[in-house]
Protein backbone atom coordinates (compact mmCIF):
# COMPACT_ATOMS: atom_id res chain seq x y z
CA MET A 1 -51.78 -38.23 8.44
CA THR A 2 -51.23 -41.76 7.31
CA ALA A 3 -50.69 -42.20 3.74
CA ARG A 4 -53.72 -43.89 2.37
CA PRO A 5 -53.06 -46.40 -0.75
CA LEU A 6 -53.40 -45.36 -4.43
CA ASP A 7 -56.44 -47.62 -5.32
CA HIS A 8 -55.80 -48.31 -8.90
CA THR A 9 -58.60 -50.31 -9.63
CA ARG A 10 -60.84 -49.45 -12.34
CA PRO A 11 -64.34 -49.16 -11.57
CA ALA A 12 -66.76 -52.04 -12.85
CA LEU A 13 -67.36 -52.39 -16.50
CA SER A 14 -70.98 -52.01 -17.28
CA ASP A 15 -73.24 -52.82 -19.95
CA GLY A 16 -72.49 -49.17 -21.19
CA PRO A 17 -69.84 -47.20 -21.78
CA VAL A 18 -67.46 -45.90 -18.52
CA HIS A 19 -67.88 -41.98 -18.26
CA ILE A 20 -64.71 -39.65 -17.28
CA GLY A 21 -66.61 -38.85 -14.88
CA GLU A 22 -66.58 -42.24 -13.20
CA ILE A 23 -63.18 -42.67 -13.11
CA ILE A 24 -61.91 -39.07 -11.94
CA PRO A 25 -63.47 -38.67 -8.65
CA SER A 26 -62.42 -42.02 -7.52
CA ALA A 27 -58.65 -41.48 -8.79
CA ILE A 28 -58.43 -38.35 -6.71
CA ALA A 29 -60.11 -39.79 -3.59
CA GLY A 30 -57.44 -42.49 -3.29
CA ILE A 31 -54.89 -39.61 -3.17
CA ILE A 32 -56.49 -36.71 -1.06
CA SER A 33 -59.41 -37.43 1.73
CA PRO A 34 -61.84 -34.74 1.64
CA ASP A 35 -62.73 -34.61 4.89
CA LYS A 36 -59.12 -34.19 6.30
CA PRO A 37 -56.36 -31.46 5.72
CA SER A 38 -53.46 -32.54 3.67
CA SER A 39 -50.16 -32.42 6.05
CA SER A 40 -47.92 -31.99 2.86
CA ARG A 41 -45.64 -28.95 3.14
CA PRO A 42 -46.10 -26.63 0.50
CA ARG A 43 -44.01 -26.63 -2.81
CA ARG A 44 -41.05 -23.61 -2.09
CA ARG A 45 -41.41 -21.27 -5.20
CA LYS A 46 -38.12 -21.37 -6.93
CA HIS A 47 -36.32 -17.77 -7.14
CA ALA A 48 -35.22 -16.67 -10.45
CA ALA A 49 -31.48 -15.92 -10.31
CA ALA A 50 -30.77 -11.96 -9.72
CA ALA A 51 -29.51 -10.55 -13.39
CA PRO A 52 -25.51 -9.75 -13.23
CA GLN A 53 -25.47 -6.16 -12.32
CA PRO A 54 -23.86 -3.65 -14.57
CA ARG A 55 -20.04 -3.00 -14.17
CA LEU A 56 -19.24 0.55 -13.14
CA THR A 57 -17.96 2.36 -16.06
CA ILE A 58 -16.37 5.92 -16.30
CA ARG A 59 -19.36 7.32 -17.68
CA ASP A 60 -21.49 6.32 -15.09
CA LEU A 61 -19.50 8.58 -12.67
CA PRO A 62 -20.18 12.09 -12.01
CA ASN A 63 -18.05 14.40 -14.30
CA SER A 64 -16.42 16.05 -10.81
CA GLU A 65 -15.41 12.03 -9.80
CA ARG A 66 -14.02 11.07 -13.00
CA PRO A 67 -10.45 10.27 -12.81
CA ARG A 68 -9.25 12.98 -15.50
CA THR A 69 -11.28 15.93 -13.85
CA ARG A 70 -9.84 14.80 -10.78
CA LEU A 71 -6.35 14.64 -11.72
CA VAL A 72 -7.09 18.47 -13.43
CA ASP A 73 -8.84 19.50 -10.21
CA HIS A 74 -6.32 18.12 -7.50
CA GLY A 75 -3.47 17.00 -8.92
CA ALA A 76 -2.39 13.23 -9.41
CA GLY A 77 -1.37 12.98 -5.88
CA ALA A 78 -4.74 12.84 -5.01
CA LEU A 79 -5.77 9.95 -7.18
CA THR A 80 -5.46 5.69 -6.36
CA THR A 81 -3.05 3.47 -8.36
CA GLN A 82 -6.35 2.10 -10.14
CA GLU A 83 -7.12 5.59 -11.11
CA LEU A 84 -3.58 6.42 -12.44
CA LEU A 85 -3.87 3.02 -14.48
CA CYS A 86 -7.44 4.45 -15.84
CA LEU A 87 -6.07 6.98 -17.73
CA ILE A 88 -2.92 5.41 -19.25
CA MET A 89 -4.70 2.06 -20.23
CA GLY A 90 -7.92 3.14 -21.55
CA ALA A 91 -11.27 1.43 -22.30
CA ALA A 92 -10.89 -1.86 -24.03
CA GLY A 93 -13.80 -2.77 -26.23
CA ARG A 94 -16.91 -3.45 -24.00
CA ARG A 95 -14.54 -3.70 -20.85
CA SER A 96 -14.43 0.01 -19.10
CA SER A 97 -11.11 1.15 -18.15
CA LEU A 98 -11.66 0.64 -14.50
CA ASP A 99 -11.81 -3.03 -15.24
CA VAL A 100 -9.45 -3.14 -17.11
CA SER A 101 -6.87 -1.37 -14.56
CA ARG A 102 -8.35 -3.53 -11.54
CA ASP A 103 -7.35 -6.67 -13.23
CA VAL A 104 -3.90 -5.30 -14.58
CA LEU A 105 -3.11 -4.50 -10.66
CA ALA A 106 -4.07 -7.52 -9.76
CA VAL A 107 -2.07 -9.87 -11.81
CA SER A 108 0.72 -7.98 -9.50
CA GLY A 109 -0.88 -7.91 -6.02
CA GLY A 110 -1.31 -4.36 -6.22
CA SER A 111 2.15 -3.53 -6.33
CA ILE A 112 3.88 -1.17 -8.85
CA ARG A 113 7.15 -2.30 -8.51
CA ARG A 114 6.05 -5.93 -8.89
CA LEU A 115 4.43 -4.92 -12.23
CA ARG A 116 7.38 -3.43 -13.62
CA ASN A 117 8.81 -7.37 -13.71
CA ILE A 118 6.12 -8.97 -14.82
CA ASP A 119 6.27 -10.58 -18.16
CA VAL A 120 4.61 -9.32 -21.23
CA SER A 121 3.22 -12.92 -21.97
CA THR A 122 1.26 -12.38 -18.45
CA LEU A 123 -0.07 -8.93 -18.75
CA VAL A 124 -1.71 -9.69 -22.58
CA ALA A 125 -3.53 -12.51 -20.79
CA VAL A 126 -5.53 -10.32 -18.82
CA PRO A 127 -8.28 -9.41 -21.17
CA GLY A 128 -8.82 -6.00 -22.57
CA VAL A 129 -4.78 -5.90 -22.39
CA GLY A 130 -3.12 -5.91 -25.63
CA PRO A 131 0.56 -5.35 -26.30
CA THR A 132 -0.54 -1.49 -27.50
CA ARG A 133 -1.09 -1.00 -23.80
CA VAL A 134 1.35 -3.02 -22.09
CA ALA A 135 3.57 -0.30 -24.06
CA LYS A 136 2.23 2.22 -22.78
CA LEU A 137 2.39 0.55 -19.13
CA ARG A 138 6.02 -0.15 -19.69
CA ALA A 139 6.46 3.71 -20.64
CA ALA A 140 4.87 5.00 -17.92
CA ILE A 141 6.83 3.17 -15.66
CA GLU A 142 9.68 3.94 -17.30
CA LEU A 143 9.38 7.12 -16.82
CA ALA A 144 8.74 7.36 -13.03
CA ARG A 145 12.12 5.17 -12.69
CA ARG A 146 14.15 7.83 -14.24
CA TRP A 147 12.41 10.26 -13.02
CA LEU A 148 13.48 9.02 -9.58
CA ASP A 149 16.91 8.59 -10.77
CA GLU A 150 17.06 12.39 -11.49
CA ALA A 151 15.59 13.06 -8.44
CA SER A 152 18.81 11.29 -7.00
CA GLU A 153 21.22 13.04 -8.55
CA GLU A 154 19.69 16.33 -7.45
CA ARG A 155 19.92 15.16 -3.75
CA PRO A 156 23.02 16.38 -1.72
CA ARG A 157 26.02 14.42 -1.29
CA VAL A 158 28.06 13.75 1.81
CA THR A 159 31.44 13.00 0.73
CA SER A 160 33.13 14.41 3.53
CA PRO A 161 32.27 15.77 7.70
CA ILE A 162 32.63 19.00 6.31
CA ASP A 163 29.40 18.66 3.90
CA ILE A 164 27.43 18.19 7.12
CA VAL A 165 29.29 21.06 8.86
CA LEU A 166 28.34 23.23 5.70
CA ARG A 167 24.79 22.28 5.46
CA GLU A 168 24.34 22.35 9.60
CA ALA A 169 26.37 24.60 11.25
CA PRO A 170 25.36 28.08 10.44
CA ARG A 171 22.13 27.52 11.86
CA MET A 172 22.82 25.05 14.74
CA ARG A 173 25.91 27.17 16.28
CA ALA A 174 23.28 29.77 17.60
CA LEU A 175 20.97 27.50 18.90
CA THR A 176 20.52 27.93 22.77
CA THR A 177 19.21 24.44 23.19
CA ALA A 178 20.46 20.71 22.11
CA GLU A 179 18.89 20.05 19.66
CA PHE A 180 19.84 16.12 17.81
CA LEU A 181 19.54 15.69 13.75
CA LEU A 182 19.05 12.43 11.87
CA VAL A 183 20.90 12.95 8.33
CA VAL A 184 19.48 10.43 6.31
CA LEU A 185 21.62 8.87 3.38
CA ASP A 186 21.06 6.72 0.63
CA THR A 187 22.92 4.11 -0.50
CA GLN A 188 25.19 6.99 -2.82
CA HIS A 189 25.11 8.77 0.50
CA GLY A 190 22.58 11.07 -0.88
CA ILE A 191 20.72 13.38 1.41
CA THR A 192 16.89 11.85 1.30
CA ARG A 193 15.79 13.41 4.75
CA THR A 194 17.30 15.59 7.72
CA ILE A 195 14.85 14.68 11.06
CA THR A 196 14.91 16.24 14.24
CA LEU A 197 14.88 13.94 17.13
CA ASN A 198 15.02 16.12 20.06
CA ARG A 199 15.24 19.14 21.93
CA LYS A 200 16.68 20.16 25.12
CA ASP A 201 16.82 23.13 26.93
CA SER A 202 19.96 22.16 28.55
CA CYS A 203 23.79 23.60 27.88
CA SER A 204 25.17 19.75 28.49
CA ALA A 205 27.82 18.67 26.24
CA GLY A 206 26.68 15.25 26.86
CA ILE A 207 24.34 13.94 24.38
CA THR A 208 22.90 10.72 26.66
CA THR A 209 19.71 13.18 27.68
CA GLY A 210 18.96 13.95 23.61
CA VAL A 211 18.25 10.38 22.16
CA THR A 212 18.50 6.72 22.73
CA THR A 213 19.64 3.72 20.11
CA ARG A 214 16.34 2.81 20.04
CA GLU A 215 14.60 6.19 18.91
CA LEU A 216 17.60 6.35 16.80
CA TYR A 217 17.26 3.19 14.64
CA GLN A 218 13.49 3.28 14.49
CA ALA A 219 13.50 6.47 12.58
CA ALA A 220 16.07 5.11 10.23
CA ILE A 221 14.23 1.96 9.78
CA VAL A 222 11.03 4.33 8.60
CA GLU A 223 13.03 6.14 6.22
CA GLY A 224 14.36 3.23 4.92
CA ALA A 225 18.47 4.93 5.25
CA ALA A 226 21.29 3.02 3.71
CA ALA A 227 23.32 4.34 6.01
CA PHE A 228 22.58 7.94 8.34
CA VAL A 229 24.80 10.68 10.07
CA LEU A 230 24.09 12.20 13.97
CA VAL A 231 24.50 15.84 14.00
CA HIS A 232 23.79 17.44 17.46
CA ASN A 233 25.23 20.58 19.09
CA HIS A 234 26.97 21.84 22.46
CA THR A 235 25.36 25.13 23.56
CA ASN A 236 28.67 25.86 25.68
CA GLY A 237 30.14 26.60 22.28
CA ASP A 238 33.10 23.45 23.20
CA PRO A 239 32.54 20.49 20.39
CA SER A 240 34.74 18.10 22.63
CA PRO A 241 33.03 15.11 22.89
CA SER A 242 32.06 14.22 26.58
CA PRO A 243 32.20 10.23 27.39
CA GLU A 244 28.53 9.90 27.44
CA ASP A 245 28.97 10.55 23.64
CA HIS A 246 31.48 8.41 22.96
CA VAL A 247 29.33 5.30 24.85
CA LEU A 248 26.43 6.22 23.00
CA THR A 249 28.58 6.61 19.40
CA GLN A 250 29.86 3.26 20.11
CA GLN A 251 26.15 1.98 20.95
CA LEU A 252 24.97 3.24 17.83
CA ALA A 253 27.61 2.09 15.55
CA THR A 254 27.54 -1.57 16.76
CA ALA A 255 23.57 -2.06 16.07
CA GLY A 256 24.02 -0.35 12.95
CA ARG A 257 26.37 -3.42 11.96
CA GLN A 258 24.04 -5.29 13.09
CA LEU A 259 20.96 -3.90 11.43
CA ASP A 260 23.12 -3.71 8.06
CA ILE A 261 22.62 0.86 8.96
CA PRO A 262 26.17 1.76 8.99
CA MET A 263 26.79 5.10 11.05
CA TYR A 264 28.68 7.48 8.53
CA ASP A 265 29.65 10.24 11.42
CA HIS A 266 28.83 11.46 14.17
CA VAL A 267 29.61 15.40 14.53
CA ILE A 268 29.54 17.56 17.09
CA ILE A 269 28.67 21.51 16.33
CA GLY A 270 30.48 23.82 18.77
CA ARG A 271 30.38 28.22 18.45
CA ASP A 272 33.30 28.04 15.83
CA ARG A 273 34.33 24.21 15.68
CA TYR A 274 33.63 20.88 15.10
CA THR A 275 34.20 17.43 15.97
CA SER A 276 33.66 14.72 13.43
CA PHE A 277 34.54 10.77 14.51
CA LEU A 278 34.78 10.25 11.16
CA GLU A 279 37.78 12.22 10.80
CA GLU A 280 39.19 11.44 14.42
CA GLN A 281 39.15 7.32 13.53
CA TRP A 282 37.07 7.29 16.45
CA LEU A 283 34.55 5.22 14.31
């Protein structure tokens, strides 16, 4: 439809007064033709902005889903890191403890380890977090650190090959199958875990059919080993190492130096005797 120009002319003045009814129809007719529909698009209705949704608070949760109840019913291990922080930080005025704990975790990228090293000024900049809550958080992290120190003190330590022999020989000397153990050590040579790598229904004295360098170091890396001891038994009762034992031990030792996860010892358990590569100075 071709737009028609707006008629700005006024009707001719008469001798009498001009009535408004004579002006309005003329003005309207110049804008919209009564015999043709308008081609202008209907105006879009402006929707009112959605009201912000209220944030979830602890009180909004069913009692069985609240962090304190879940801790009592299922133990602290069932809670997420944010839920644990909720119990430590608490609510802050109008801010829910869920909001406070979420924002505190965001500061450290979700890492408790990094949170321990963040300065106080950064933490108190989080809305709802003041010096009191920072003190509670630092105290909780310090308690966890001290618990780890105590736990590491309780770990049996390897000070010589005989420590491994006394620990593993009573069971391994009676086995009718060959078994290969990875004894994972921390930086103080404390035993953090003992992993059974493989078992073989074989009386061979060799180790080449037992484990590979790749398999062993994959397990060591996953466990965060600082060092390790390899232990295996000879079911024929003779702990003398085979040529294959020597070859693989040197391969493991070389890989350990490259990966900075040294091989502390390789112990072979026999019926009444044992062989330590460390004692024999083969490492």
